């Protein structure tokens, strides 16, 4: 094999390996691979994952059955009604009490992309105020979350929102989980949920 052909072959192989390392967490048909916590509504409609407040208007979670430690997570969300939700990383859930860290998904002005520790230290970091305009209300938004060791970085529509290094996050273990906030009147749609383990 010529050197140029070998280089091309190895390049294509590396691209293929990178693509195969990505895994879709949502099949567009049902909630396979996920477990719901609480009484709020989680369902599939028109190929989209939908979370919606139920009659109890309490916190609800949809968590991956598998645990993920170091990863890059990409997803898209569209907020309808209130839109107060979030993406938890390295989290465990009992009933509707969650232990872990939430990358916020919320209406404009409520710190989408920031990191909140439920039942713990509260807000660990919020995006700079001028970054609030990155959120596109009522439209699809692309979020990327990179968690590697102690470092968590969030991106919204291609803009880095926060970067935090925290030993407690680094020691965390658990699932990726989507949240629906309490209070009622909330509806959020999700699609293209893809994870790549690091």
Protein backbone atom coordinates (compact mmCIF):
# COMPACT_ATOMS: atom_id res chain seq x y z
CA UNK A 1 0.00 0.00 0.00
CA UNK A 2 1.32 3.42 -0.94
CA UNK A 3 2.11 5.82 1.89
CA UNK A 4 -0.58 8.29 0.76
CA UNK A 5 -3.20 5.53 0.65
CA UNK A 6 -2.16 4.31 4.10
CA UNK A 7 -2.49 7.82 5.54
CA UNK A 8 -5.95 8.19 3.99
CA UNK A 9 -6.99 4.79 5.34
CA UNK A 10 -5.83 5.63 8.87
CA UNK A 11 -7.55 9.03 8.70
CA UNK A 12 -10.86 7.43 7.68
CA UNK A 13 -10.45 4.81 10.39
CA UNK A 14 -9.94 7.48 13.05
CA UNK A 15 -13.06 9.34 11.90
CA UNK A 16 -15.06 6.12 11.95
CA UNK A 17 -13.83 5.32 15.45
CA UNK A 18 -14.84 8.78 16.65
CA UNK A 19 -18.32 8.47 15.19
CA UNK A 20 -18.84 5.00 16.62
CA UNK A 21 -17.93 6.31 20.09
CA UNK A 22 -21.04 8.48 20.00
CA UNK A 23 -24.25 6.94 21.29
CA UNK A 24 -27.80 8.18 20.95
CA UNK A 25 -29.62 8.13 24.30
CA UNK A 26 -33.07 8.61 22.76
CA UNK A 27 -34.40 6.45 19.92
CA UNK A 28 -37.28 8.73 18.93
CA UNK A 29 -39.82 5.96 19.56
CA UNK A 30 -40.01 5.19 23.28
CA UNK A 31 -38.24 5.67 26.62
CA UNK A 32 -35.97 2.61 26.36
CA UNK A 33 -32.84 3.07 28.48
CA UNK A 34 -34.50 5.63 30.75
CA UNK A 35 -36.34 5.50 34.08
CA UNK A 36 -38.93 8.05 35.22
CA UNK A 37 -39.11 9.35 38.78
CA UNK A 38 -42.13 11.18 40.17
CA UNK A 39 -45.61 11.69 38.70
CA UNK A 40 -44.83 14.27 36.02
CA UNK A 41 -45.35 13.32 32.37
CA UNK A 42 -42.62 11.94 30.10
CA UNK A 43 -43.66 10.74 26.65
CA UNK A 44 -42.69 10.56 22.98
CA UNK A 45 -44.60 12.59 20.40
CA UNK A 46 -43.70 13.05 16.72
CA UNK A 47 -40.23 11.63 17.38
CA UNK A 48 -39.56 14.09 20.23
CA UNK A 49 -39.09 13.46 23.94
CA UNK A 50 -41.55 15.63 25.87
CA UNK A 51 -41.71 16.50 29.56
CA UNK A 52 -44.82 18.13 30.93
CA UNK A 53 -46.18 19.02 34.36
CA UNK A 54 -48.59 16.46 35.79
CA UNK A 55 -51.47 16.96 38.23
CA UNK A 56 -49.16 16.91 41.27
CA UNK A 57 -47.06 19.77 39.86
CA UNK A 58 -43.96 18.42 41.58
CA UNK A 59 -40.36 17.77 40.54
CA UNK A 60 -39.91 14.96 38.03
CA UNK A 61 -36.87 13.27 36.51
CA UNK A 62 -36.07 10.99 33.60
CA UNK A 63 -32.71 9.33 34.18
CA UNK A 64 -30.53 7.04 32.10
CA UNK A 65 -30.40 3.50 33.44
CA UNK A 66 -26.67 3.54 32.75
CA UNK A 67 -24.21 5.66 34.72
CA UNK A 68 -21.83 8.01 32.90
CA UNK A 69 -18.67 9.49 34.43
CA UNK A 70 -16.64 11.42 31.83
CA UNK A 71 -18.47 12.43 28.68
CA UNK A 72 -19.56 14.97 26.12
CA UNK A 73 -23.34 15.27 25.94
CA UNK A 74 -25.09 17.06 23.07
CA UNK A 75 -28.82 17.67 22.93
CA UNK A 76 -31.44 20.10 21.70
CA UNK A 77 -34.34 21.52 23.70
CA UNK A 78 -37.33 23.71 22.96
CA UNK A 79 -39.16 25.40 25.81
CA UNK A 80 -42.91 25.77 25.75
CA UNK A 81 -44.95 27.42 28.49
CA UNK A 82 -42.64 28.06 31.48
CA UNK A 83 -39.73 25.95 30.22
CA UNK A 84 -38.03 25.48 33.60
CA UNK A 85 -36.04 22.26 33.39
CA UNK A 86 -32.44 21.05 33.49
CA UNK A 87 -29.90 18.34 32.75
CA UNK A 88 -28.36 16.53 35.72
CA UNK A 89 -24.98 14.84 35.54
CA UNK A 90 -23.47 12.13 37.78
CA UNK A 91 -26.76 11.98 39.64
CA UNK A 92 -28.71 9.51 41.76
CA UNK A 93 -32.41 9.81 42.52
CA UNK A 94 -34.61 8.46 45.31
CA UNK A 95 -38.29 9.26 44.87
CA UNK A 96 -38.04 12.85 43.68
CA UNK A 97 -34.94 13.76 45.71
CA UNK A 98 -31.89 14.06 43.51
CA UNK A 99 -28.20 14.07 44.44
CA UNK A 100 -26.01 15.59 41.76
CA UNK A 101 -25.45 18.65 39.63
CA UNK A 102 -27.88 20.36 37.30
CA UNK A 103 -26.96 22.30 34.20
CA UNK A 104 -29.86 24.73 34.18
CA UNK A 105 -32.45 24.96 31.40
CA UNK A 106 -34.80 27.83 32.21
CA UNK A 107 -36.52 30.93 30.81
CA UNK A 108 -34.35 33.91 29.90
CA UNK A 109 -32.86 35.62 32.95
CA UNK A 110 -32.81 32.42 35.02
CA UNK A 111 -29.27 31.26 34.25
CA UNK A 112 -29.54 28.58 31.53
CA UNK A 113 -26.15 26.85 31.36
CA UNK A 114 -25.34 27.56 35.01
CA UNK A 115 -24.66 24.77 37.52
CA UNK A 116 -26.86 24.13 40.55
CA UNK A 117 -26.32 21.53 43.28
CA UNK A 118 -29.70 20.33 44.56
CA UNK A 119 -30.04 19.58 48.28
CA UNK A 120 -26.49 20.89 48.74
CA UNK A 121 -24.60 24.08 48.03
CA UNK A 122 -27.16 25.59 45.65
CA UNK A 123 -25.79 27.70 42.79
CA UNK A 124 -22.13 26.89 42.13
CA UNK A 125 -21.78 29.13 39.08
CA UNK A 126 -24.05 31.26 36.89
CA UNK A 127 -23.34 32.51 33.37
CA UNK A 128 -22.35 36.15 32.97
CA UNK A 129 -25.49 38.32 32.65
CA UNK A 130 -24.79 39.27 29.03
CA UNK A 131 -24.92 35.57 28.06
CA UNK A 132 -28.63 35.39 28.92
CA UNK A 133 -29.36 36.61 25.36
CA UNK A 134 -27.86 33.39 23.90
CA UNK A 135 -31.05 31.50 24.78
CA UNK A 136 -33.63 31.40 21.97
CA UNK A 137 -37.00 31.27 23.68
CA UNK A 138 -39.66 29.30 21.86
CA UNK A 139 -37.07 27.90 19.42
CA UNK A 140 -34.73 24.94 19.37
CA UNK A 141 -31.52 25.45 21.37
CA UNK A 142 -28.40 23.30 21.21
CA UNK A 143 -26.68 22.46 24.50
CA UNK A 144 -23.33 20.74 25.00
CA UNK A 145 -22.10 19.56 28.39
CA UNK A 146 -18.54 18.29 28.82
CA UNK A 147 -17.66 16.56 32.10
CA UNK A 148 -14.12 15.28 32.59
CA UNK A 149 -12.71 14.67 36.05
CA UNK A 150 -13.31 17.75 38.21
CA UNK A 151 -14.13 20.01 35.27
CA UNK A 152 -17.62 20.73 33.92
CA UNK A 153 -18.15 23.03 30.93
CA UNK A 154 -21.48 24.00 29.39
CA UNK A 155 -22.21 25.51 25.97
CA UNK A 156 -25.43 26.96 24.62
CA UNK A 157 -25.84 27.49 20.88
CA UNK A 158 -22.07 27.33 20.44
CA UNK A 159 -21.26 29.80 23.24
CA UNK A 160 -19.37 28.67 26.34
CA UNK A 161 -21.67 29.54 29.24
CA UNK A 162 -19.62 28.36 32.24
CA UNK A 163 -16.56 26.35 33.19
CA UNK A 164 -16.08 25.09 36.72
CA UNK A 165 -13.54 22.89 38.48
CA UNK A 166 -14.95 21.26 41.58
CA UNK A 167 -13.64 18.29 43.58
CA UNK A 168 -17.12 17.23 44.71
CA UNK A 169 -18.34 17.06 41.11
CA UNK A 170 -15.19 15.09 40.28
CA UNK A 171 -16.05 12.48 42.91
CA UNK A 172 -19.65 12.16 41.70
CA UNK A 173 -21.13 8.99 40.22
CA UNK A 174 -24.46 8.44 38.53
CA UNK A 175 -26.84 8.98 35.65
CA UNK A 176 -27.63 11.69 33.17
CA UNK A 177 -31.12 12.94 34.06
CA UNK A 178 -33.57 15.41 32.59
CA UNK A 179 -35.61 17.44 35.08
CA UNK A 180 -39.01 19.05 35.11
CA UNK A 181 -39.34 21.77 37.76
CA UNK A 182 -42.14 21.91 40.29
CA UNK A 183 -44.91 24.50 40.17
CA UNK A 184 -46.87 23.26 37.15
CA UNK A 185 -47.43 24.75 33.72
CA UNK A 186 -44.11 23.49 32.32
CA UNK A 187 -43.49 21.82 28.97
CA UNK A 188 -40.14 21.17 27.28
CA UNK A 189 -39.32 19.16 24.16
CA UNK A 190 -36.00 17.35 23.63
CA UNK A 191 -34.30 15.75 20.61
CA UNK A 192 -30.91 14.55 19.28
CA UNK A 193 -29.64 13.45 22.70
CA UNK A 194 -26.17 12.04 21.97
CA UNK A 195 -23.38 11.11 24.38
CA UNK A 196 -19.71 10.38 23.78
CA UNK A 197 -17.78 8.85 26.66
CA UNK A 198 -14.32 10.28 27.25
